Amino acid sequence: MKLTGSVGFRAQNFRDDVRLVQELLNRATRVPWTLLAVDGLAGPNTINRIKDFQRNVVGFSKPDGRVDVGGRTWRSLARYAEETPVYFRGTFSVHPTETGVRAAEPAARPATDAIAWGAKVSPAFKRRVREVAANLGISPDFLMSCMAFETGETFSPSIKNAAGSGATGLIQFMPRTAKGLGTTTEALAKMTAEKQLDYVEKYFLPYKGKLKTLEDIYMAILYPAAIGMDPAAALFRQGSKTYEQNSGFDKNRDGVITPAEISVKVRQKYEKGLQKGYLG
């Protein structure tokens, strides 16, 4: 994939180009700042994040909120397709030579097929993840991070839930869920990881078009009713059974559990998966 048109303020904003820019901006964004929705829409959040990137990383004194093919912003942003940044500047993680952007960059440099955690799985698995993500319209980085969390970073199709729930595999399919997909957890455990991705895709398919954020994708696995919720909104409140069952997620003990609190460990896997030795 490469950038084919301008993205951002008063730009062409082809959907695939916007998604690419959103994914790369997310790779640059450090905790605790919120990741962008990867939805292919150049709305205010995306444009403002482009401006922040231009100001803090590229060095614009007057950011224009636009990424042009061959422009300074794109040449800087494209580096996140294959290189792990090593230090921080404001909202962003930054590459060591980012004091102006290298002039030798190609005009529309192709993004590599590197994805979060890609160095820890087989080439065939990575290719299939890209296919699944494209079919579902979701970020492969987000999907890989959720599977890294669910499998304890093993990406094993046979790994089982340590608490004995019977949940198995890449997204911890429950026995009832497996049955609804036309299989069993026993059969899933015997599959290759690549084959099990067929069932990962089948599981997410009913939610296609709704999975924009990292929180959305993880909520689809854990609690589908929360898909699309504001990450900061109250999901469970103290006094309810669901709160008591999930009280460990309420780290600030304010009596409210949000999608962001539930997804914090998945965000940590996302950050780790973009580091050297994991991005690939």
C-alpha atoms as a PDB file:
ATOM      1  CA  MET A   1       0.000   0.000   0.000  1.00  0.00           C
ATOM      2  CA  LYS A   2       1.162   3.539  -0.686  1.00  0.00           C
ATOM      3  CA  LEU A   3      -0.209   7.039  -0.306  1.00  0.00           C
ATOM      4  CA  THR A   4      -2.054   7.904  -3.516  1.00  0.00           C
ATOM      5  CA  GLY A   5      -3.555  11.260  -2.608  1.00  0.00           C
ATOM      6  CA  SER A   6      -3.545  14.011  -0.023  1.00  0.00           C
ATOM      7  CA  VAL A   7      -5.113  13.469   3.400  1.00  0.00           C
ATOM      8  CA  GLY A   8      -6.487  15.950   5.917  1.00  0.00           C
ATOM      9  CA  PHE A   9      -7.724  19.517   5.661  1.00  0.00           C
ATOM     10  CA  ARG A  10      -9.133  20.353   2.206  1.00  0.00           C
ATOM     11  CA  ALA A  11      -7.512  17.207   0.824  1.00  0.00           C
ATOM     12  CA  GLN A  12      -8.569  14.402  -1.512  1.00  0.00           C
ATOM     13  CA  ASN A  13      -9.126  12.023   1.408  1.00  0.00           C
ATOM     14  CA  PHE A  14      -9.437   8.715  -0.395  1.00  0.00           C
ATOM     15  CA  ARG A  15     -10.602   6.259   2.253  1.00  0.00           C
ATOM     16  CA  ASP A  16      -7.624   3.865   2.000  1.00  0.00           C
ATOM     17  CA  ASP A  17      -5.205   6.796   2.196  1.00  0.00           C
ATOM     18  CA  VAL A  18      -6.933   8.171   5.283  1.00  0.00           C
ATOM     19  CA  ARG A  19      -6.818   4.748   6.937  1.00  0.00           C
ATOM     20  CA  LEU A  20      -3.091   4.482   6.178  1.00  0.00           C
ATOM     21  CA  VAL A  21      -2.388   7.898   7.682  1.00  0.00           C
ATOM     22  CA  GLN A  22      -4.520   7.076  10.739  1.00  0.00           C
ATOM     23  CA  GLU A  23      -2.643   3.802  11.311  1.00  0.00           C
ATOM     24  CA  LEU A  24       0.739   5.516  11.045  1.00  0.00           C
ATOM     25  CA  LEU A  25      -0.324   8.380  13.314  1.00  0.00           C
ATOM     26  CA  ASN A  26      -1.419   5.784  15.851  1.00  0.00           C
ATOM     27  CA  ARG A  27       1.983   4.109  15.665  1.00  0.00           C
ATOM     28  CA  ALA A  28       3.509   7.472  16.513  1.00  0.00           C
ATOM     29  CA  THR A  29       1.127   8.281  19.384  1.00  0.00           C
ATOM     30  CA  ARG A  30       2.338   7.513  22.878  1.00  0.00           C
ATOM     31  CA  VAL A  31       0.449   6.653  26.048  1.00  0.00           C
ATOM     32  CA  PRO A  32      -1.646   8.223  27.578  1.00  0.00           C
ATOM     33  CA  TRP A  33      -2.938   9.954  24.451  1.00  0.00           C
ATOM     34  CA  THR A  34      -5.911   8.278  22.790  1.00  0.00           C
ATOM     35  CA  LEU A  35      -5.447   6.360  19.555  1.00  0.00           C
ATOM     36  CA  LEU A  36      -7.409   7.512  16.535  1.00  0.00           C
ATOM     37  CA  ALA A  37     -10.315   5.531  15.165  1.00  0.00           C
ATOM     38  CA  VAL A  38      -9.126   3.858  11.959  1.00  0.00           C
ATOM     39  CA  ASP A  39     -12.270   4.580   9.965  1.00  0.00           C
ATOM     40  CA  GLY A  40     -11.026   6.155   6.742  1.00  0.00           C
ATOM     41  CA  LEU A  41     -12.723   9.469   7.561  1.00  0.00           C
ATOM     42  CA  ALA A  42     -10.652  12.647   7.798  1.00  0.00           C
ATOM     43  CA  GLY A  43     -12.644  14.240  10.596  1.00  0.00           C
ATOM     44  CA  PRO A  44     -11.575  16.832  13.184  1.00  0.00           C
ATOM     45  CA  ASN A  45      -9.705  14.321  15.375  1.00  0.00           C
ATOM     46  CA  THR A  46      -7.576  13.104  12.471  1.00  0.00           C
ATOM     47  CA  ILE A  47      -6.868  16.609  11.189  1.00  0.00           C
ATOM     48  CA  ASN A  48      -5.932  17.829  14.668  1.00  0.00           C
ATOM     49  CA  ARG A  49      -3.623  14.834  15.149  1.00  0.00           C
ATOM     50  CA  ILE A  50      -1.941  15.636  11.817  1.00  0.00           C
ATOM     51  CA  LYS A  51      -1.416  19.201  13.041  1.00  0.00           C
ATOM     52  CA  ASP A  52       0.026  17.954  16.334  1.00  0.00           C
ATOM     53  CA  PHE A  53       2.375  15.656  14.419  1.00  0.00           C
ATOM     54  CA  GLN A  54       3.458  18.478  12.126  1.00  0.00           C
ATOM     55  CA  ARG A  55       4.097  20.775  15.077  1.00  0.00           C
ATOM     56  CA  ASN A  56       5.848  18.337  17.420  1.00  0.00           C
ATOM     57  CA  VAL A  57       7.639  15.968  15.055  1.00  0.00           C
ATOM     58  CA  VAL A  58       8.091  17.607  11.652  1.00  0.00           C
ATOM     59  CA  GLY A  59       8.732  21.074  13.069  1.00  0.00           C
ATOM     60  CA  PHE A  60       6.051  23.146  11.350  1.00  0.00           C
ATOM     61  CA  SER A  61       5.512  26.550  12.942  1.00  0.00           C
ATOM     62  CA  LYS A  62       2.152  26.799  11.167  1.00  0.00           C
ATOM     63  CA  PRO A  63       0.701  23.283  10.745  1.00  0.00           C
ATOM     64  CA  ASP A  64      -1.781  22.951   7.887  1.00  0.00           C
ATOM     65  CA  GLY A  65      -3.375  19.640   8.931  1.00  0.00           C
ATOM     66  CA  ARG A  66      -2.662  18.030   5.577  1.00  0.00           C
ATOM     67  CA  VAL A  67      -0.482  15.123   4.434  1.00  0.00           C
ATOM     68  CA  ASP A  68       0.605  15.472   0.797  1.00  0.00           C
ATOM     69  CA  VAL A  69       2.215  12.799  -1.368  1.00  0.00           C
ATOM     70  CA  GLY A  70       5.940  13.546  -1.292  1.00  0.00           C
ATOM     71  CA  GLY A  71       5.533  16.282   1.313  1.00  0.00           C
ATOM     72  CA  ARG A  72       7.514  16.721   4.524  1.00  0.00           C
ATOM     73  CA  THR A  73       4.727  15.363   6.697  1.00  0.00           C
ATOM     74  CA  TRP A  74       4.369  12.180   4.628  1.00  0.00           C
ATOM     75  CA  ARG A  75       8.135  11.607   4.471  1.00  0.00           C
ATOM     76  CA  SER A  76       8.274  11.777   8.259  1.00  0.00           C
ATOM     77  CA  LEU A  77       5.122   9.745   8.841  1.00  0.00           C
ATOM     78  CA  ALA A  78       6.090   6.988   6.383  1.00  0.00           C
ATOM     79  CA  ARG A  79       9.025   6.026   8.581  1.00  0.00           C
ATOM     80  CA  TYR A  80       6.610   4.543  11.113  1.00  0.00           C
ATOM     81  CA  ALA A  81       5.696   1.892   8.535  1.00  0.00           C
ATOM     82  CA  GLU A  82       8.957   0.072   9.169  1.00  0.00           C
ATOM     83  CA  GLU A  83      11.047   1.766  11.863  1.00  0.00           C
ATOM     84  CA  THR A  84      10.592   1.696  15.625  1.00  0.00           C
ATOM     85  CA  PRO A  85      10.901   5.168  17.206  1.00  0.00           C
ATOM     86  CA  VAL A  86      13.206   5.452  20.184  1.00  0.00           C
ATOM     87  CA  TYR A  87      12.376   8.604  22.139  1.00  0.00           C
ATOM     88  CA  PHE A  88       9.484  10.918  22.926  1.00  0.00           C
ATOM     89  CA  ARG A  89       8.499  14.443  21.952  1.00  0.00           C
ATOM     90  CA  GLY A  90       5.197  15.702  23.313  1.00  0.00           C
ATOM     91  CA  THR A  91       2.351  13.449  22.208  1.00  0.00           C
ATOM     92  CA  PHE A  92       4.577  11.382  19.939  1.00  0.00           C
ATOM     93  CA  SER A  93       7.363   8.848  19.851  1.00  0.00           C
ATOM     94  CA  VAL A  94      10.104   9.992  17.498  1.00  0.00           C
ATOM     95  CA  HIS A  95      12.913   8.573  15.364  1.00  0.00           C
ATOM     96  CA  PRO A  96      16.493   9.571  16.260  1.00  0.00           C
ATOM     97  CA  THR A  97      17.184  11.637  13.111  1.00  0.00           C
ATOM     98  CA  GLU A  98      13.909  13.580  13.210  1.00  0.00           C
ATOM     99  CA  THR A  99      15.413  17.079  13.271  1.00  0.00           C
ATOM    100  CA  GLY A 100      14.185  17.830   9.759  1.00  0.00           C
ATOM    101  CA  VAL A 101      13.087  15.088   7.432  1.00  0.00           C
ATOM    102  CA  ARG A 102      15.544  13.197   5.238  1.00  0.00           C
ATOM    103  CA  ALA A 103      15.340  14.600   1.717  1.00  0.00           C
ATOM    104  CA  ALA A 104      16.039  11.311  -0.033  1.00  0.00           C
ATOM    105  CA  GLU A 105      12.641   9.785   0.702  1.00  0.00           C
ATOM    106  CA  PRO A 106      10.673   8.659  -2.388  1.00  0.00           C
ATOM    107  CA  ALA A 107       7.650  10.809  -3.236  1.00  0.00           C
ATOM    108  CA  ALA A 108       5.040   8.195  -2.343  1.00  0.00           C
ATOM    109  CA  ARG A 109       7.077   5.727  -0.386  1.00  0.00           C
ATOM    110  CA  PRO A 110       5.296   2.385  -0.058  1.00  0.00           C
ATOM    111  CA  ALA A 111       4.333   1.299   3.412  1.00  0.00           C
ATOM    112  CA  THR A 112       5.893  -2.066   4.154  1.00  0.00           C
ATOM    113  CA  ASP A 113       3.778  -4.996   5.264  1.00  0.00           C
ATOM    114  CA  ALA A 114       5.143  -4.665   8.798  1.00  0.00           C
ATOM    115  CA  ILE A 115       2.474  -4.933  11.492  1.00  0.00           C
ATOM    116  CA  ALA A 116       2.453  -4.977  15.274  1.00  0.00           C
ATOM    117  CA  TRP A 117       3.758  -8.326  16.550  1.00  0.00           C
ATOM    118  CA  GLY A 118       4.492  -9.377  12.961  1.00  0.00           C
ATOM    119  CA  ALA A 119       8.023 -10.451  13.865  1.00  0.00           C
ATOM    120  CA  LYS A 120       6.601 -13.039  16.284  1.00  0.00           C
ATOM    121  CA  VAL A 121       4.384 -14.941  13.829  1.00  0.00           C
ATOM    122  CA  SER A 122       4.886 -16.790  10.558  1.00  0.00           C
ATOM    123  CA  PRO A 123       4.810 -14.921   7.229  1.00  0.00           C
ATOM    124  CA  ALA A 124       1.699 -16.924   6.315  1.00  0.00           C
ATOM    125  CA  PHE A 125      -0.028 -15.883   9.550  1.00  0.00           C
ATOM    126  CA  LYS A 126       0.856 -12.246   8.962  1.00  0.00           C
ATOM    127  CA  ARG A 127      -0.449 -12.348   5.388  1.00  0.00           C
ATOM    128  CA  ARG A 128      -3.703 -13.901   6.556  1.00  0.00           C
ATOM    129  CA  VAL A 129      -4.081 -11.292   9.320  1.00  0.00           C
ATOM    130  CA  ARG A 130      -3.722  -8.564   6.711  1.00  0.00           C
ATOM    131  CA  GLU A 131      -6.401 -10.258   4.589  1.00  0.00           C
ATOM    132  CA  VAL A 132      -8.767 -10.624   7.545  1.00  0.00           C
ATOM    133  CA  ALA A 133      -8.207  -7.017   8.605  1.00  0.00           C
ATOM    134  CA  ALA A 134      -8.835  -5.776   5.056  1.00  0.00           C
ATOM    135  CA  ASN A 135     -11.994  -7.874   4.745  1.00  0.00           C
ATOM    136  CA  LEU A 136     -13.314  -6.536   8.046  1.00  0.00           C
ATOM    137  CA  GLY A 137     -12.120  -2.964   7.526  1.00  0.00           C
ATOM    138  CA  ILE A 138     -10.066  -2.935  10.729  1.00  0.00           C
ATOM    139  CA  SER A 139      -6.481  -2.147  11.661  1.00  0.00           C
ATOM    140  CA  PRO A 140      -4.193  -5.206  11.551  1.00  0.00           C
ATOM    141  CA  ASP A 141      -2.169  -3.610  14.347  1.00  0.00           C
ATOM    142  CA  PHE A 142      -5.276  -3.539  16.537  1.00  0.00           C
ATOM    143  CA  LEU A 143      -6.234  -7.131  15.709  1.00  0.00           C
ATOM    144  CA  MET A 144      -2.726  -8.437  16.401  1.00  0.00           C
ATOM    145  CA  SER A 145      -2.594  -6.595  19.724  1.00  0.00           C
ATOM    146  CA  CYS A 146      -5.885  -8.125  20.858  1.00  0.00           C
ATOM    147  CA  MET A 147      -4.679 -11.612  19.913  1.00  0.00           C
ATOM    148  CA  ALA A 148      -1.346 -10.998  21.661  1.00  0.00           C
ATOM    149  CA  PHE A 149      -3.252 -10.142  24.837  1.00  0.00           C
ATOM    150  CA  GLU A 150      -5.699 -13.035  24.580  1.00  0.00           C
ATOM    151  CA  THR A 151      -2.949 -15.619  23.982  1.00  0.00           C
ATOM    152  CA  GLY A 152      -0.317 -14.300  26.381  1.00  0.00           C
ATOM    153  CA  GLU A 153       1.795 -13.276  23.368  1.00  0.00           C
ATOM    154  CA  THR A 154       1.975 -16.871  22.087  1.00  0.00           C
ATOM    155  CA  PHE A 155      -0.484 -16.624  19.172  1.00  0.00           C
ATOM    156  CA  SER A 156      -1.210 -20.268  19.895  1.00  0.00           C
ATOM    157  CA  PRO A 157      -4.425 -21.747  18.455  1.00  0.00           C
ATOM    158  CA  SER A 158      -4.612 -24.224  21.331  1.00  0.00           C
ATOM    159  CA  ILE A 159      -3.932 -22.033  24.362  1.00  0.00           C
ATOM    160  CA  LYS A 160      -6.655 -22.344  26.986  1.00  0.00           C
ATOM    161  CA  ASN A 161      -7.943 -19.946  29.603  1.00  0.00           C
ATOM    162  CA  ALA A 162      -6.056 -20.499  32.851  1.00  0.00           C
ATOM    163  CA  ALA A 163      -9.213 -20.024  34.929  1.00  0.00           C
ATOM    164  CA  GLY A 164     -10.789 -23.098  33.388  1.00  0.00           C
ATOM    165  CA  SER A 165     -13.596 -21.420  31.435  1.00  0.00           C
ATOM    166  CA  GLY A 166     -12.881 -23.539  28.381  1.00  0.00           C
ATOM    167  CA  ALA A 167     -11.963 -20.494  26.284  1.00  0.00           C
ATOM    168  CA  THR A 168      -9.476 -21.502  23.599  1.00  0.00           C
ATOM    169  CA  GLY A 169      -7.266 -20.029  20.938  1.00  0.00           C
ATOM    170  CA  LEU A 170      -6.431 -16.734  19.286  1.00  0.00           C
ATOM    171  CA  ILE A 171      -9.373 -14.751  20.664  1.00  0.00           C
ATOM    172  CA  GLN A 172     -10.270 -17.203  23.429  1.00  0.00           C
ATOM    173  CA  PHE A 173     -13.343 -18.703  21.792  1.00  0.00           C
ATOM    174  CA  MET A 174     -15.840 -19.894  24.419  1.00  0.00           C
ATOM    175  CA  PRO A 175     -17.424 -23.323  23.824  1.00  0.00           C
ATOM    176  CA  ARG A 176     -20.815 -21.759  23.094  1.00  0.00           C
ATOM    177  CA  THR A 177     -19.227 -19.260  20.716  1.00  0.00           C
ATOM    178  CA  ALA A 178     -17.402 -22.023  18.869  1.00  0.00           C
ATOM    179  CA  LYS A 179     -20.653 -23.942  18.485  1.00  0.00           C
ATOM    180  CA  GLY A 180     -22.309 -20.868  16.997  1.00  0.00           C
ATOM    181  CA  LEU A 181     -19.511 -20.705  14.430  1.00  0.00           C
ATOM    182  CA  GLY A 182     -20.074 -24.319  13.433  1.00  0.00           C
ATOM    183  CA  THR A 183     -17.129 -25.839  15.273  1.00  0.00           C
ATOM    184  CA  THR A 184     -15.911 -26.774  18.759  1.00  0.00           C
ATOM    185  CA  THR A 185     -13.107 -25.571  20.973  1.00  0.00           C
ATOM    186  CA  GLU A 186     -11.551 -29.035  20.622  1.00  0.00           C
ATOM    187  CA  ALA A 187     -11.496 -28.689  16.844  1.00  0.00           C
ATOM    188  CA  LEU A 188     -10.183 -25.134  17.062  1.00  0.00           C
ATOM    189  CA  ALA A 189      -7.314 -26.272  19.282  1.00  0.00           C
ATOM    190  CA  LYS A 190      -6.221 -28.787  16.641  1.00  0.00           C
ATOM    191  CA  MET A 191      -6.109 -26.222  13.833  1.00  0.00           C
ATOM    192  CA  THR A 192      -3.066 -24.329  12.677  1.00  0.00           C
ATOM    193  CA  ALA A 193      -3.029 -20.699  13.752  1.00  0.00           C
ATOM    194  CA  GLU A 194      -3.463 -19.699  10.108  1.00  0.00           C
ATOM    195  CA  LYS A 195      -6.575 -21.872   9.728  1.00  0.00           C
ATOM    196  CA  GLN A 196      -8.054 -20.614  12.990  1.00  0.00           C
ATOM    197  CA  LEU A 197      -7.926 -17.095  11.575  1.00  0.00           C
ATOM    198  CA  ASP A 198     -10.821 -18.155   9.323  1.00  0.00           C
ATOM    199  CA  TYR A 199     -12.918 -18.458  12.476  1.00  0.00           C
ATOM    200  CA  VAL A 200     -11.562 -15.192  13.864  1.00  0.00           C
ATOM    201  CA  GLU A 201     -12.828 -13.512  10.698  1.00  0.00           C
ATOM    202  CA  LYS A 202     -16.149 -15.337  10.922  1.00  0.00           C
ATOM    203  CA  TYR A 203     -16.548 -14.242  14.555  1.00  0.00           C
ATOM    204  CA  PHE A 204     -15.969 -10.556  13.784  1.00  0.00           C
ATOM    205  CA  LEU A 205     -18.004 -10.470  10.561  1.00  0.00           C
ATOM    206  CA  PRO A 206     -21.346  -9.516  12.206  1.00  0.00           C
ATOM    207  CA  TYR A 207     -19.621  -6.427  13.626  1.00  0.00           C
ATOM    208  CA  LYS A 208     -18.100  -5.295  10.321  1.00  0.00           C
ATOM    209  CA  GLY A 209     -18.380  -1.538   9.926  1.00  0.00           C
ATOM    210  CA  LYS A 210     -18.553  -0.976  13.682  1.00  0.00           C
ATOM    211  CA  LEU A 211     -14.955  -1.769  14.670  1.00  0.00           C
ATOM    212  CA  LYS A 212     -13.102   1.539  14.449  1.00  0.00           C
ATOM    213  CA  THR A 213     -10.938   1.661  17.567  1.00  0.00           C
ATOM    214  CA  LEU A 214      -8.719  -0.669  19.561  1.00  0.00           C
ATOM    215  CA  GLU A 215     -11.401  -0.613  22.254  1.00  0.00           C
ATOM    216  CA  ASP A 216     -14.086  -1.613  19.740  1.00  0.00           C
ATOM    217  CA  ILE A 217     -12.150  -4.676  18.623  1.00  0.00           C
ATOM    218  CA  TYR A 218     -11.377  -5.806  22.145  1.00  0.00           C
ATOM    219  CA  MET A 219     -14.946  -5.152  23.285  1.00  0.00           C
ATOM    220  CA  ALA A 220     -16.161  -7.340  20.399  1.00  0.00           C
ATOM    221  CA  ILE A 221     -14.235 -10.168  22.052  1.00  0.00           C
ATOM    222  CA  LEU A 222     -15.066  -9.409  25.675  1.00  0.00           C
ATOM    223  CA  TYR A 223     -18.418  -7.592  25.731  1.00  0.00           C
ATOM    224  CA  PRO A 224     -19.911  -6.857  22.283  1.00  0.00           C
ATOM    225  CA  ALA A 225     -22.631  -4.589  23.701  1.00  0.00           C
ATOM    226  CA  ALA A 226     -19.891  -2.010  24.333  1.00  0.00           C
ATOM    227  CA  ILE A 227     -18.785  -1.738  20.698  1.00  0.00           C
ATOM    228  CA  GLY A 228     -18.833   1.892  19.609  1.00  0.00           C
ATOM    229  CA  MET A 229     -19.018   3.329  23.104  1.00  0.00           C
ATOM    230  CA  ASP A 230     -16.948   6.352  24.026  1.00  0.00           C
ATOM    231  CA  PRO A 231     -13.815   4.825  25.632  1.00  0.00           C
ATOM    232  CA  ALA A 232     -14.310   7.174  28.599  1.00  0.00           C
ATOM    233  CA  ALA A 233     -18.016   6.410  29.072  1.00  0.00           C
ATOM    234  CA  ALA A 234     -19.329   4.397  32.009  1.00  0.00           C
ATOM    235  CA  LEU A 235     -19.756   0.750  31.056  1.00  0.00           C
ATOM    236  CA  PHE A 236     -20.282  -0.781  34.502  1.00  0.00           C
ATOM    237  CA  ARG A 237     -21.190   1.084  37.690  1.00  0.00           C
ATOM    238  CA  GLN A 238     -20.574   0.137  41.298  1.00  0.00           C
ATOM    239  CA  GLY A 239     -23.531  -1.709  42.783  1.00  0.00           C
ATOM    240  CA  SER A 240     -24.238  -3.763  39.674  1.00  0.00           C
ATOM    241  CA  LYS A 241     -23.389  -7.429  39.257  1.00  0.00           C
ATOM    242  CA  THR A 242     -21.350  -6.702  36.133  1.00  0.00           C
ATOM    243  CA  TYR A 243     -19.273  -4.172  38.081  1.00  0.00           C
ATOM    244  CA  GLU A 244     -18.558  -6.676  40.832  1.00  0.00           C
ATOM    245  CA  GLN A 245     -17.556  -9.306  38.254  1.00  0.00           C
ATOM    246  CA  ASN A 246     -15.136  -6.862  36.628  1.00  0.00           C
ATOM    247  CA  SER A 247     -14.104  -4.694  39.586  1.00  0.00           C
ATOM    248  CA  GLY A 248     -10.425  -5.434  38.982  1.00  0.00           C
ATOM    249  CA  PHE A 249     -10.556  -3.136  35.964  1.00  0.00           C
ATOM    250  CA  ASP A 250     -11.506  -0.113  38.103  1.00  0.00           C
ATOM    251  CA  LYS A 251      -7.937   0.970  38.760  1.00  0.00           C
ATOM    252  CA  ASN A 252      -8.778   4.455  40.018  1.00  0.00           C
ATOM    253  CA  ARG A 253     -11.533   3.068  42.291  1.00  0.00           C
ATOM    254  CA  ASP A 254     -14.080   5.678  41.235  1.00  0.00           C
ATOM    255  CA  GLY A 255     -16.929   3.186  41.051  1.00  0.00           C
ATOM    256  CA  VAL A 256     -17.055   3.289  37.267  1.00  0.00           C
ATOM    257  CA  ILE A 257     -15.468   0.966  34.716  1.00  0.00           C
ATOM    258  CA  THR A 258     -14.924   2.352  31.214  1.00  0.00           C
ATOM    259  CA  PRO A 259     -13.987   0.620  27.941  1.00  0.00           C
ATOM    260  CA  ALA A 260     -10.638   2.422  28.134  1.00  0.00           C
ATOM    261  CA  GLU A 261      -9.927   0.948  31.584  1.00  0.00           C
ATOM    262  CA  ILE A 262     -10.800  -2.520  30.356  1.00  0.00           C
ATOM    263  CA  SER A 263      -8.631  -2.086  27.277  1.00  0.00           C
ATOM    264  CA  VAL A 264      -5.575  -0.622  29.020  1.00  0.00           C
ATOM    265  CA  LYS A 265      -3.648  -3.899  28.986  1.00  0.00           C
ATOM    266  CA  VAL A 266      -4.468  -4.368  25.315  1.00  0.00           C
ATOM    267  CA  ARG A 267      -3.081  -0.866  24.674  1.00  0.00           C
ATOM    268  CA  GLN A 268       0.098  -1.990  26.416  1.00  0.00           C
ATOM    269  CA  LYS A 269       0.306  -4.943  24.020  1.00  0.00           C
ATOM    270  CA  TYR A 270      -0.206  -2.532  21.124  1.00  0.00           C
ATOM    271  CA  GLU A 271       2.692  -0.376  22.312  1.00  0.00           C
ATOM    272  CA  LYS A 272       4.919  -3.415  22.860  1.00  0.00           C
ATOM    273  CA  GLY A 273       4.056  -4.876  19.472  1.00  0.00           C
ATOM    274  CA  LEU A 274       5.435  -1.791  17.728  1.00  0.00           C
ATOM    275  CA  GLN A 275       8.837  -2.040  19.388  1.00  0.00           C
ATOM    276  CA  LYS A 276      12.027  -3.329  17.815  1.00  0.00           C
ATOM    277  CA  GLY A 277      11.976  -7.102  17.625  1.00  0.00           C
ATOM    278  CA  TYR A 278       8.160  -7.180  17.524  1.00  0.00           C
ATOM    279  CA  LEU A 279       7.196  -4.925  14.601  1.00  0.00           C
ATOM    280  CA  GLY A 280       7.695  -6.957  11.459  1.00  0.00           C
END
